[in-house]
Amino acid sequence: MAPNFDKGTIVMSNPWEIATWRFEMISALLDANLTKAQKRRIIRDRTKRAVQWPDSPDDRPIGKSTLFRWIENYREKGFLGLMPKARKDKGLARSDRSIHVNYALGLLYEQPERSLTQLMLYLELEFGKLSISRSTLSRDLHAHPAFMGILRRRKGTDKKLRDLYETCQPHESWQLDAKGPFPVTLINGKTIRVHVLSILDDFSRYILAAIIASAENIEAAVRVFRLAASKWGMGMRMQFDRASAYDSKVFRTGLAMLGVHRNWVKSRNPQAQGKIEAYHRSLKRWFVNEIAKQEVIDLEHLEALLQATIELVYNRHKHRQIKMSPAQALAQRISTRRVGAAELAQAFKVTIRAKSHPTTGQVALPNGLFRVPSRYSGRRCSFRYDPVDKHEASLIIDDEHQIPLEPFTKKRPFDYERENEKRGTGQLQKLLDLWQGHSRPNAQPGFGLPEVFREFSRLLQRSVPIDQREATAIEIFYRKTGPLPAEPFRQAIDKTRDVLGPNRALKAYLQYLDRLVQAQKNKPDSEDPP
């Protein structure tokens, strides 16, 4: 059946007619005698003024990239270059994408700020190699009735115009900054506030090192710099703001000893070149917002999740400015300025004077308690300590001689035993498993919204959700009762189907499931049999 277009539509089934129409659109730009100003004026008119397109009921401007593509094709192939290209699929049957779209909707209702990069990565973790492209997934999501609920949950941000400084090679300039503080709720119910300190290579936008710290202090700044320098060498320059940790005498003296130039920055300027700020926006979307949906054991587990997110998501995603991923731009190139571990540790050590206890020889240094030799007990002496290593300090005798000190309190042997593997429920845990090379478990320890949507599809025997109202109802149920363990939730779904039967309203199923979950929570914990 022929398409039913509105009145005024230019219907062109002949490809020669379409090529002729395209030639009319670019003919004014083919004159070699045109000045640059005249070309700009014509391009501006073509890209601003709406025109009637062939076989389309809508009037819309011609995109600048489309206009340039037609001109390039005409110059390379002549008039034949303007002919419409034949479809590659030749009308082949398309596979059902609803299972992927519904899972992606679940991911978005769980965290509305997730990007297409995250969605594609999480879908591959769940379903393996995908046949659906980013653009197809985006179109299907925007066409779904439930997507309006995602748009209402998203918030816009103000933008400022900034200059952009570009380096010519990797490790010519590094940028150091912190993101935070932001709250993280541990699995034991305790809420802590943490910072993410990162070092970004200016040329490639690659994150050379990133850590989790409880405060943006000297200890954290030295630790993240040592981590980057020990792996990649040292940058020629460093840029950071005027925060007290970075502007301190200890940190700046250490950089000077290592020959790293500090770029001058204006104080009270919240954003310089905007590169590490753009990374922080990605970090908020890909990591900080995900933490609310992820079970976190402790700071060590949180830092492992951060490393996996940066390596598998940020460093591998295609950067719009450089037209490739940061990992491809850096290409594993190491700085020509290398430094040994001893010199790197020595550069940031701090000298301080303190008095030890006359009886025990205990001296309190900023990085911990240490014991001095008996002949120096009770005396005020000079000490050097490491702001990062809690077990590194020495007593200064003179410029050439130092006595290493032992910690006053030593750890018991069982403190050094390897702890059990730290795992928590969430999408970031999947990234960590992939990054560490672990095989994925047969069943997840808990369910998120995507899995809940999938189980309701099994219960209702159709795609879920079908619209925004249905997605919101399931989301409210999940917020109230989640996180949900996998196998018990599947059993609850099966029991609901057996009790209520098929073809019931979603609201009835949700109410019955809510009663099941509340009854399970109100049960007293059963004691294990002897």
Protein backbone atom coordinates (compact mmCIF):
# COMPACT_ATOMS: atom_id res chain seq x y z
CA MET A 1 0.00 0.00 0.00
CA ALA A 2 1.36 3.42 -0.93
CA PRO A 3 2.19 5.79 1.93
CA ASN A 4 -0.53 8.29 2.82
CA PHE A 5 1.26 11.64 3.09
CA ASP A 6 -0.29 14.98 3.85
CA LYS A 7 -1.04 17.49 1.15
CA GLY A 8 2.06 19.25 -0.17
CA THR A 9 4.41 16.28 0.18
CA ILE A 10 6.89 15.79 -2.65
CA VAL A 11 6.51 12.09 -3.54
CA MET A 12 9.59 10.84 -5.42
CA SER A 13 9.94 7.12 -5.93
CA ASN A 14 12.43 7.61 -8.79
CA PRO A 15 16.05 7.80 -7.47
CA TRP A 16 16.97 10.13 -10.37
CA GLU A 17 14.39 12.64 -9.14
CA ILE A 18 15.82 12.45 -5.61
CA ALA A 19 19.35 12.99 -6.96
CA THR A 20 18.07 15.99 -8.96
CA TRP A 21 16.48 17.48 -5.83
CA ARG A 22 19.74 17.03 -3.90
CA PHE A 23 21.68 18.70 -6.73
CA GLU A 24 19.33 21.69 -6.55
CA MET A 25 20.09 22.00 -2.83
CA ILE A 26 23.89 22.09 -3.34
CA SER A 27 24.16 23.72 -6.79
CA ALA A 28 24.66 27.21 -5.36
CA LEU A 29 27.73 25.99 -3.44
CA LEU A 30 29.47 24.45 -6.47
CA ASP A 31 30.46 27.80 -7.99
CA ALA A 32 34.26 28.09 -7.70
CA ASN A 33 34.08 31.92 -7.82
CA LEU A 34 32.22 32.18 -4.51
CA THR A 35 34.03 33.85 -1.62
CA LYS A 36 34.17 32.25 1.81
CA ALA A 37 31.68 34.79 3.16
CA GLN A 38 29.22 33.98 0.36
CA LYS A 39 29.57 30.23 1.02
CA ARG A 40 28.94 30.75 4.72
CA ARG A 41 25.82 32.78 3.94
CA ILE A 42 24.44 30.06 1.64
CA ILE A 43 25.23 27.28 4.13
CA ARG A 44 23.60 29.25 6.92
CA ASP A 45 20.47 29.72 4.79
CA ARG A 46 20.32 26.02 3.84
CA THR A 47 20.77 24.81 7.43
CA LYS A 48 18.36 27.32 9.00
CA ARG A 49 15.48 27.46 6.50
CA ALA A 50 13.06 24.52 6.47
CA VAL A 51 12.55 22.84 3.09
CA GLN A 52 10.16 20.17 1.82
CA TRP A 53 11.95 16.80 1.68
CA PRO A 54 11.10 14.05 -0.82
CA ASP A 55 8.73 11.33 0.49
CA SER A 56 8.32 13.16 3.80
CA PRO A 57 5.33 15.06 5.22
CA ASP A 58 7.54 17.33 7.36
CA ASP A 59 9.43 20.53 6.50
CA ARG A 60 12.85 20.67 8.12
CA PRO A 61 16.27 22.24 7.44
CA ILE A 62 19.12 20.31 5.86
CA GLY A 63 21.80 19.30 8.34
CA LYS A 64 25.25 20.77 7.79
CA SER A 65 26.91 17.35 7.78
CA THR A 66 24.33 16.10 5.24
CA LEU A 67 24.99 19.11 3.00
CA PHE A 68 28.77 18.56 3.12
CA ARG A 69 28.32 14.84 2.43
CA TRP A 70 26.28 15.54 -0.70
CA ILE A 71 28.91 18.01 -1.95
CA GLU A 72 31.73 15.54 -1.30
CA ASN A 73 29.87 12.70 -3.03
CA TYR A 74 29.14 14.93 -6.04
CA ARG A 75 32.78 15.97 -6.40
CA GLU A 76 33.99 12.37 -6.13
CA LYS A 77 31.37 10.52 -8.23
CA GLY A 78 29.47 13.23 -10.06
CA PHE A 79 25.69 13.14 -10.37
CA LEU A 80 25.59 9.41 -9.55
CA GLY A 81 27.02 10.18 -6.11
CA LEU A 82 23.75 11.91 -5.22
CA MET A 83 21.65 8.81 -5.86
CA PRO A 84 20.06 7.31 -2.72
CA LYS A 85 21.87 4.21 -1.51
CA ALA A 86 20.12 0.86 -1.45
CA ARG A 87 19.33 -0.64 1.95
CA LYS A 88 21.94 -3.13 3.12
CA ASP A 89 19.47 -5.46 4.84
CA LYS A 90 17.33 -5.83 1.69
CA GLY A 91 14.21 -6.21 3.79
CA LEU A 92 15.43 -9.05 6.02
CA ALA A 93 13.29 -9.93 9.02
CA ARG A 94 14.36 -8.18 12.20
CA SER A 95 14.81 -9.96 15.50
CA ASP A 96 12.67 -9.12 18.51
CA ARG A 97 14.44 -6.40 20.50
CA SER A 98 11.81 -6.00 23.21
CA ILE A 99 13.79 -8.02 25.77
CA HIS A 100 16.79 -5.69 25.37
CA VAL A 101 14.64 -2.54 25.38
CA ASN A 102 12.72 -3.61 28.49
CA TYR A 103 15.96 -4.41 30.33
CA ALA A 104 17.38 -1.02 29.31
CA LEU A 105 14.21 0.68 30.58
CA GLY A 106 14.67 -1.09 33.88
CA LEU A 107 18.23 0.22 34.06
CA LEU A 108 17.00 3.76 33.38
CA TYR A 109 14.17 3.67 35.89
CA GLU A 110 16.70 2.36 38.41
CA GLN A 111 19.07 5.26 37.59
CA PRO A 112 17.72 7.84 35.07
CA GLU A 113 21.13 9.45 34.43
CA ARG A 114 22.65 6.33 32.87
CA SER A 115 24.08 6.97 29.41
CA LEU A 116 23.90 4.89 26.24
CA THR A 117 27.48 3.79 26.87
CA GLN A 118 26.47 2.34 30.23
CA LEU A 119 23.32 0.76 28.82
CA MET A 120 25.21 -1.00 26.02
CA LEU A 121 27.84 -2.24 28.46
CA TYR A 122 25.31 -3.54 31.01
CA LEU A 123 23.28 -5.20 28.24
CA GLU A 124 26.41 -7.01 27.01
CA LEU A 125 27.16 -8.16 30.55
CA GLU A 126 23.64 -9.59 30.80
CA PHE A 127 22.98 -10.93 27.27
CA GLY A 128 26.43 -11.32 25.72
CA LYS A 129 27.31 -9.97 22.27
CA LEU A 130 24.52 -7.69 21.04
CA SER A 131 23.12 -7.42 17.53
CA ILE A 132 21.45 -4.10 18.36
CA SER A 133 23.38 -0.85 17.79
CA ARG A 134 23.54 2.25 19.98
CA SER A 135 21.40 4.28 17.60
CA THR A 136 18.78 1.54 17.33
CA LEU A 137 18.62 1.19 21.10
CA SER A 138 18.26 4.97 21.44
CA ARG A 139 15.43 5.09 18.89
CA ASP A 140 13.59 2.18 20.50
CA LEU A 141 13.88 3.75 23.94
CA HIS A 142 12.63 7.14 22.78
CA ALA A 143 9.72 5.49 20.97
CA HIS A 144 8.65 3.49 24.02
CA PRO A 145 5.69 4.98 25.95
CA ALA A 146 7.50 4.48 29.27
CA PHE A 147 10.45 6.68 28.22
CA MET A 148 8.59 9.89 29.14
CA GLY A 149 9.00 8.88 32.78
CA ILE A 150 12.77 8.82 32.28
CA LEU A 151 12.79 12.34 30.82
CA ARG A 152 10.81 13.68 33.79
CA ARG A 153 13.36 12.23 36.21
CA ARG A 154 16.34 13.82 34.53
CA LYS A 155 17.62 17.25 35.51
CA GLY A 156 19.38 19.80 33.34
CA THR A 157 22.55 21.71 34.24
CA ASP A 158 23.78 25.18 33.33
CA LYS A 159 26.72 25.46 30.93
CA LYS A 160 29.49 28.03 30.69
CA LEU A 161 31.75 28.75 27.73
CA ARG A 162 35.43 28.10 28.45
CA ASP A 163 38.69 28.21 26.53
CA LEU A 164 40.38 24.89 25.73
CA TYR A 165 44.13 24.28 25.97
CA GLU A 166 45.53 21.27 24.11
CA THR A 167 48.88 19.53 24.69
CA CYS A 168 50.74 17.87 21.83
CA GLN A 169 51.77 14.55 23.39
CA PRO A 170 50.93 12.27 26.33
CA HIS A 171 52.31 13.12 29.78
CA GLU A 172 53.08 16.70 28.80
CA SER A 173 50.53 17.92 31.33
CA TRP A 174 48.56 16.16 34.07
CA GLN A 175 45.47 17.46 35.85
CA LEU A 176 44.66 16.57 39.46
CA ASP A 177 41.32 17.22 41.13
CA ALA A 178 38.79 15.67 43.51
CA LYS A 179 35.12 14.82 43.13
CA GLY A 180 33.02 15.02 46.27
CA PRO A 181 32.29 14.65 49.00
CA PHE A 182 29.33 12.37 48.30
CA PRO A 183 27.58 9.93 50.65
CA VAL A 184 28.02 6.16 50.44
CA THR A 185 25.95 3.76 52.52
CA LEU A 186 27.82 0.58 53.43
CA ILE A 187 26.19 -2.81 53.69
CA ASN A 188 26.21 -2.56 57.50
CA GLY A 189 23.98 0.56 57.32
CA LYS A 190 26.71 3.09 58.09
CA THR A 191 26.84 6.17 55.82
CA ILE A 192 30.22 7.76 55.08
CA ARG A 193 31.26 10.70 52.91
CA VAL A 194 34.12 10.13 50.49
CA HIS A 195 36.08 11.86 47.73
CA VAL A 196 37.43 10.54 44.43
CA LEU A 197 40.89 11.92 43.59
CA SER A 198 41.95 11.45 39.98
CA ILE A 199 44.88 12.33 37.72
CA LEU A 200 43.97 12.94 34.07
CA ASP A 201 46.37 13.09 31.14
CA ASP A 202 45.63 16.33 29.27
CA PHE A 203 46.41 14.96 25.81
CA SER A 204 44.43 11.70 25.87
CA ARG A 205 41.91 12.36 28.70
CA TYR A 206 43.04 9.00 30.10
CA ILE A 207 42.68 8.56 33.87
CA LEU A 208 46.17 7.58 34.99
CA ALA A 209 45.20 6.99 38.63
CA ALA A 210 42.13 7.33 40.83
CA ILE A 211 41.53 6.57 44.50
CA ILE A 212 38.83 6.79 47.14
CA ALA A 213 39.70 9.00 50.11
CA SER A 214 37.83 10.02 53.22
CA ALA A 215 39.17 13.58 52.87
CA GLU A 216 40.85 15.75 50.25
CA ASN A 217 44.10 16.04 52.20
CA ILE A 218 47.87 15.74 51.70
CA GLU A 219 47.81 11.99 52.29
CA ALA A 220 45.31 11.44 49.47
CA ALA A 221 47.10 13.82 47.07
CA VAL A 222 50.48 12.14 47.61
CA ARG A 223 48.97 8.67 47.31
CA VAL A 224 47.26 9.27 43.97
CA PHE A 225 50.36 10.99 42.53
CA ARG A 226 52.62 8.12 43.57
CA LEU A 227 50.17 5.66 42.04
CA ALA A 228 50.26 7.46 38.69
CA ALA A 229 54.02 8.12 38.69
CA SER A 230 54.95 4.55 39.64
CA LYS A 231 52.98 3.16 36.66
CA TRP A 232 53.29 5.82 33.96
CA GLY A 233 56.36 7.86 34.88
CA MET A 234 56.04 11.58 35.57
CA GLY A 235 54.37 14.36 33.65
CA MET A 236 56.25 17.47 32.59
CA ARG A 237 53.64 19.75 34.19
CA MET A 238 50.77 19.46 36.63
CA GLN A 239 47.65 21.55 36.97
CA PHE A 240 45.42 21.62 40.02
CA ASP A 241 43.36 24.16 41.91
CA ARG A 242 44.36 26.11 45.01
CA ALA A 243 42.95 23.61 47.51
CA SER A 244 44.93 23.42 50.74
CA ALA A 245 46.18 19.87 50.05
CA TYR A 246 47.58 20.65 46.58
CA ASP A 247 48.84 24.13 47.49
CA SER A 248 50.60 22.90 50.65
CA LYS A 249 54.35 23.19 51.08
CA VAL A 250 54.73 19.42 51.38
CA PHE A 251 53.06 18.62 48.06
CA ARG A 252 54.61 21.46 46.08
CA THR A 253 58.08 20.74 47.50
CA GLY A 254 57.74 17.09 46.51
CA LEU A 255 56.79 18.03 42.95
CA ALA A 256 59.70 20.46 42.75
CA MET A 257 62.16 17.77 43.92
CA LEU A 258 60.87 15.47 41.17
CA GLY A 259 61.13 18.20 38.53
CA VAL A 260 57.40 18.52 37.84
CA HIS A 261 56.39 22.09 36.96
CA ARG A 262 53.19 23.39 38.57
CA ASN A 263 51.00 25.43 36.23
CA TRP A 264 49.85 28.74 37.65
CA VAL A 265 46.11 28.89 38.22
CA LYS A 266 43.85 31.69 39.33
CA SER A 267 42.37 31.28 42.79
CA ARG A 268 38.60 31.03 43.22
CA ASN A 269 38.23 29.88 39.62
CA PRO A 270 36.01 26.79 39.80
CA GLN A 271 36.88 25.52 36.32
CA ALA A 272 40.04 25.91 34.26
CA GLN A 273 40.23 23.97 30.98
CA GLY A 274 37.11 21.92 31.68
CA LYS A 275 38.62 18.52 30.85
CA ILE A 276 38.75 17.03 34.32
CA GLU A 277 35.40 18.71 35.05
CA ALA A 278 33.93 16.87 32.06
CA TYR A 279 35.40 13.66 33.45
CA HIS A 280 33.76 14.42 36.80
CA ARG A 281 30.39 14.73 35.07
CA SER A 282 30.94 11.31 33.51
CA LEU A 283 32.09 9.98 36.89
CA LYS A 284 28.91 11.24 38.50
CA ARG A 285 26.75 9.54 35.88
CA TRP A 286 28.72 6.28 35.62
CA PHE A 287 29.87 5.79 39.22
CA VAL A 288 28.46 8.15 41.86
CA ASN A 289 24.84 7.68 40.76
CA GLU A 290 25.38 3.92 40.49
CA ILE A 291 26.59 3.64 44.09
CA ALA A 292 23.05 4.19 45.38
CA LYS A 293 22.05 0.93 43.62
CA GLN A 294 25.16 -1.02 44.63
CA GLU A 295 25.97 -2.87 47.86
CA VAL A 296 29.34 -1.64 49.19
CA ILE A 297 31.31 -3.60 51.80
CA ASP A 298 33.93 -1.01 52.78
CA LEU A 299 36.29 1.61 51.32
CA GLU A 300 38.56 -1.04 49.80
CA HIS A 301 35.61 -2.61 47.97
CA LEU A 302 34.42 0.85 46.88
CA GLU A 303 37.85 1.66 45.42
CA ALA A 304 37.90 -1.63 43.52
CA LEU A 305 34.50 -0.75 42.01
CA LEU A 306 35.90 2.66 41.03
CA GLN A 307 38.94 1.13 39.30
CA ALA A 308 36.73 -1.27 37.33
CA THR A 309 34.38 1.54 36.25
CA ILE A 310 37.22 3.75 35.04
CA GLU A 311 39.07 1.00 33.19
CA LEU A 312 36.05 -0.65 31.54
CA VAL A 313 33.77 2.36 30.98
CA TYR A 314 35.50 5.75 31.00
CA ASN A 315 38.90 4.87 29.50
CA ARG A 316 37.24 2.78 26.77
CA HIS A 317 34.35 5.03 25.77
CA LYS A 318 34.63 7.14 22.61
CA HIS A 319 35.40 10.73 23.57
CA ARG A 320 33.50 13.24 21.45
CA GLN A 321 36.31 15.81 21.46
CA ILE A 322 39.19 13.55 20.40
CA LYS A 323 37.02 11.17 18.28
CA MET A 324 38.45 8.05 19.96
CA SER A 325 38.64 6.47 23.38
CA PRO A 326 41.18 7.77 25.96
CA ALA A 327 42.83 4.33 25.95
CA GLN A 328 43.34 4.53 22.17
CA ALA A 329 44.70 8.08 22.44
CA LEU A 330 47.22 7.14 25.13
CA ALA A 331 48.10 3.80 23.46
CA GLN A 332 49.93 2.59 26.60
CA ARG A 333 52.68 5.19 26.06
CA ILE A 334 54.83 5.73 29.15
CA SER A 335 56.52 9.01 30.04
CA THR A 336 60.20 9.39 29.21
CA ARG A 337 60.73 10.80 32.72
CA ARG A 338 60.96 7.78 35.02
CA VAL A 339 61.83 7.77 38.70
CA GLY A 340 62.67 4.97 41.13
CA ALA A 341 60.43 3.90 43.99
CA ALA A 342 62.94 5.13 46.58
CA GLU A 343 63.15 8.63 45.07
CA LEU A 344 59.38 8.76 44.71
CA ALA A 345 58.88 7.85 48.36
CA GLN A 346 61.59 10.22 49.58
CA ALA A 347 60.24 13.29 47.74
CA PHE A 348 57.10 13.72 49.84
CA LYS A 349 58.42 12.86 53.29
CA VAL A 350 57.78 15.46 55.96
CA THR A 351 60.23 16.68 58.61
CA ILE A 352 58.89 17.47 62.08
CA ARG A 353 60.25 17.94 65.60
CA ALA A 354 58.66 16.00 68.45
CA LYS A 355 59.45 14.76 71.97
CA SER A 356 59.26 11.08 72.92
CA HIS A 357 58.02 9.61 76.20
CA PRO A 358 60.92 9.25 78.68
CA THR A 359 59.80 5.80 79.93
CA THR A 360 58.35 3.99 76.89
CA GLY A 361 60.14 5.87 74.11
CA GLN A 362 56.79 6.42 72.40
CA VAL A 363 56.59 9.36 70.01
CA ALA A 364 53.36 10.51 68.35
CA LEU A 365 53.84 11.50 64.71
CA PRO A 366 51.04 12.54 62.34
CA ASN A 367 51.12 9.10 60.65
CA GLY A 368 51.07 7.03 63.85
CA LEU A 369 52.89 6.00 67.03
CA PHE A 370 56.56 4.94 66.90
CA ARG A 371 59.25 3.90 69.38
CA VAL A 372 62.66 5.61 69.51
CA PRO A 373 65.88 3.95 70.75
CA SER A 374 66.34 4.14 74.51
CA ARG A 375 69.20 6.65 74.34
CA TYR A 376 66.86 9.16 72.62
CA SER A 377 63.80 8.65 74.85
CA GLY A 378 62.53 11.80 76.53
CA ARG A 379 64.42 14.06 74.12
CA ARG A 380 63.07 16.44 71.49
CA CYS A 381 64.41 15.30 68.12
CA SER A 382 63.79 15.71 64.41
CA PHE A 383 61.81 13.03 62.59
CA ARG A 384 60.87 12.30 59.00
CA TYR A 385 57.63 10.50 58.28
CA ASP A 386 55.68 9.38 55.23
CA PRO A 387 52.20 10.99 54.97
CA VAL A 388 50.82 7.85 53.26
CA ASP A 389 52.63 4.90 54.83
CA LYS A 390 51.52 4.50 58.45
CA HIS A 391 54.58 2.37 59.26
CA GLU A 392 57.32 4.55 57.74
CA ALA A 393 59.24 7.03 59.94
CA SER A 394 62.85 7.71 60.88
CA LEU A 395 64.83 9.61 63.49
CA ILE A 396 67.18 12.20 61.98
CA ILE A 397 70.69 12.15 63.48
CA ASP A 398 72.33 14.47 60.95
CA ASP A 399 72.17 15.19 57.24
CA GLU A 400 73.62 11.80 56.33
CA HIS A 401 72.37 9.48 59.07
CA GLN A 402 68.84 8.41 59.98
CA ILE A 403 67.51 5.63 62.21
CA PRO A 404 64.40 3.79 60.96
CA LEU A 405 61.70 3.55 63.62
CA GLU A 406 59.31 0.69 64.34
CA PRO A 407 55.60 1.24 65.01
CA PHE A 408 54.80 1.34 68.71
CA THR A 409 51.82 -0.99 68.28
CA LYS A 410 52.22 -3.92 65.96
CA LYS A 411 49.44 -5.78 64.23
CA ARG A 412 48.61 -9.29 65.38
CA PRO A 413 49.41 -12.12 62.97
CA PHE A 414 45.78 -12.84 62.11
CA ASP A 415 45.34 -9.26 60.86
CA TYR A 416 47.46 -10.18 57.85
CA GLU A 417 45.34 -13.14 56.85
CA ARG A 418 43.61 -12.77 53.54
CA GLU A 419 40.02 -11.65 53.88
CA ASN A 420 37.10 -13.22 52.07
CA GLU A 421 36.25 -11.85 48.65
CA LYS A 422 34.16 -8.71 48.94
CA ARG A 423 31.05 -8.77 46.79
CA GLY A 424 27.90 -6.69 46.70
CA THR A 425 24.76 -6.62 44.61
CA GLY A 426 24.64 -4.13 41.74
CA GLN A 427 25.65 -3.32 38.17
CA LEU A 428 29.10 -2.07 39.26
CA GLN A 429 29.85 -5.50 40.77
CA LYS A 430 29.41 -7.01 37.30
CA LEU A 431 32.03 -4.57 35.97
CA LEU A 432 34.38 -5.46 38.83
CA ASP A 433 33.99 -9.19 38.13
CA LEU A 434 34.77 -8.63 34.45
CA TRP A 435 37.74 -6.36 35.24
CA GLN A 436 39.23 -8.86 37.70
CA GLY A 437 38.72 -11.74 35.29
CA HIS A 438 36.18 -13.57 37.44
CA SER A 439 33.51 -15.73 35.87
CA ARG A 440 30.00 -14.46 36.46
CA PRO A 441 27.94 -16.43 38.99
CA ASN A 442 25.00 -18.56 37.85
CA ALA A 443 22.59 -16.44 39.89
CA GLN A 444 22.94 -12.87 41.06
CA PRO A 445 22.89 -12.27 44.80
CA GLY A 446 20.09 -9.72 44.30
CA PHE A 447 17.70 -8.22 41.77
CA GLY A 448 17.58 -4.72 40.36
CA LEU A 449 14.79 -3.15 38.36
CA PRO A 450 15.85 -4.74 35.03
CA GLU A 451 15.56 -8.24 36.52
CA VAL A 452 12.26 -7.33 38.17
CA PHE A 453 10.87 -6.17 34.79
CA ARG A 454 11.98 -9.47 33.28
CA GLU A 455 10.29 -11.55 36.00
CA PHE A 456 7.05 -9.60 35.60
CA SER A 457 7.24 -10.29 31.85
CA ARG A 458 7.34 -13.98 32.72
CA LEU A 459 4.41 -13.56 35.13
CA LEU A 460 2.21 -11.55 32.75
CA GLN A 461 3.40 -13.43 29.63
CA ARG A 462 4.03 -10.20 27.72
CA SER A 463 6.56 -7.39 27.47
CA VAL A 464 6.93 -5.32 30.65
CA PRO A 465 6.66 -2.36 30.89
CA ILE A 466 4.23 -1.34 28.18
CA ASP A 467 3.97 2.31 29.25
CA GLN A 468 5.17 4.87 31.79
CA ARG A 469 2.37 4.14 34.25
CA GLU A 470 3.25 0.46 34.45
CA ALA A 471 6.97 1.19 34.80
CA THR A 472 6.29 3.67 37.62
CA ALA A 473 4.09 1.19 39.50
CA ILE A 474 6.79 -1.50 39.42
CA GLU A 475 9.45 1.06 40.37
CA ILE A 476 7.45 2.12 43.45
CA PHE A 477 7.10 -1.54 44.45
CA TYR A 478 10.86 -2.06 44.05
CA ARG A 479 11.77 1.09 46.00
CA LYS A 480 9.54 -0.09 48.83
CA THR A 481 10.62 -3.73 49.01
CA GLY A 482 14.08 -3.92 47.34
CA PRO A 483 16.79 -4.97 47.05
CA LEU A 484 15.30 -8.38 46.36
CA PRO A 485 17.23 -11.69 46.46
CA ALA A 486 17.06 -13.60 43.20
CA GLU A 487 15.79 -17.10 43.96
CA PRO A 488 13.24 -16.12 46.68
CA PHE A 489 11.79 -13.50 44.33
CA ARG A 490 11.43 -16.04 41.53
CA GLN A 491 9.65 -18.37 43.96
CA ALA A 492 7.35 -15.50 45.01
CA ILE A 493 6.53 -14.83 41.34
CA ASP A 494 5.68 -18.51 40.81
CA LYS A 495 3.53 -18.59 43.95
CA THR A 496 1.69 -15.43 42.86
CA ARG A 497 0.92 -16.98 39.48
CA ASP A 498 -0.34 -20.20 41.11
CA VAL A 499 -2.55 -18.37 43.64
CA LEU A 500 -4.00 -15.57 41.49
CA GLY A 501 -3.90 -17.28 38.13
CA PRO A 502 -3.36 -15.66 34.71
CA ASN A 503 -4.90 -12.56 33.11
CA ARG A 504 -5.05 -10.51 36.31
CA ALA A 505 -4.27 -6.81 36.55
CA LEU A 506 -0.71 -5.79 37.39
CA LYS A 507 -1.95 -4.00 40.52
CA ALA A 508 -3.36 -7.26 41.92
CA TYR A 509 -0.05 -9.05 41.40
CA LEU A 510 1.88 -6.18 43.02
CA GLN A 511 -0.38 -6.12 46.08
CA TYR A 512 -0.05 -9.87 46.60
CA LEU A 513 3.74 -9.75 46.16
CA ASP A 514 3.95 -6.88 48.62
CA ARG A 515 2.10 -8.96 51.22
CA LEU A 516 4.46 -11.89 50.60
CA VAL A 517 7.55 -9.72 51.03
CA GLN A 518 6.25 -8.06 54.20
CA ALA A 519 5.30 -11.44 55.69
CA GLN A 520 8.79 -12.75 54.97
CA LYS A 521 10.40 -9.69 56.60
CA ASN A 522 8.22 -10.05 59.73
CA LYS A 523 9.26 -13.67 60.27
CA PRO A 524 11.72 -14.20 63.17
CA ASP A 525 15.16 -15.43 62.14
CA SER A 526 15.27 -19.21 62.40
CA GLU A 527 18.13 -20.72 64.31
CA ASP A 528 20.48 -23.03 62.45
CA PRO A 529 20.20 -26.67 63.51
CA PRO A 530 23.06 -27.96 65.61
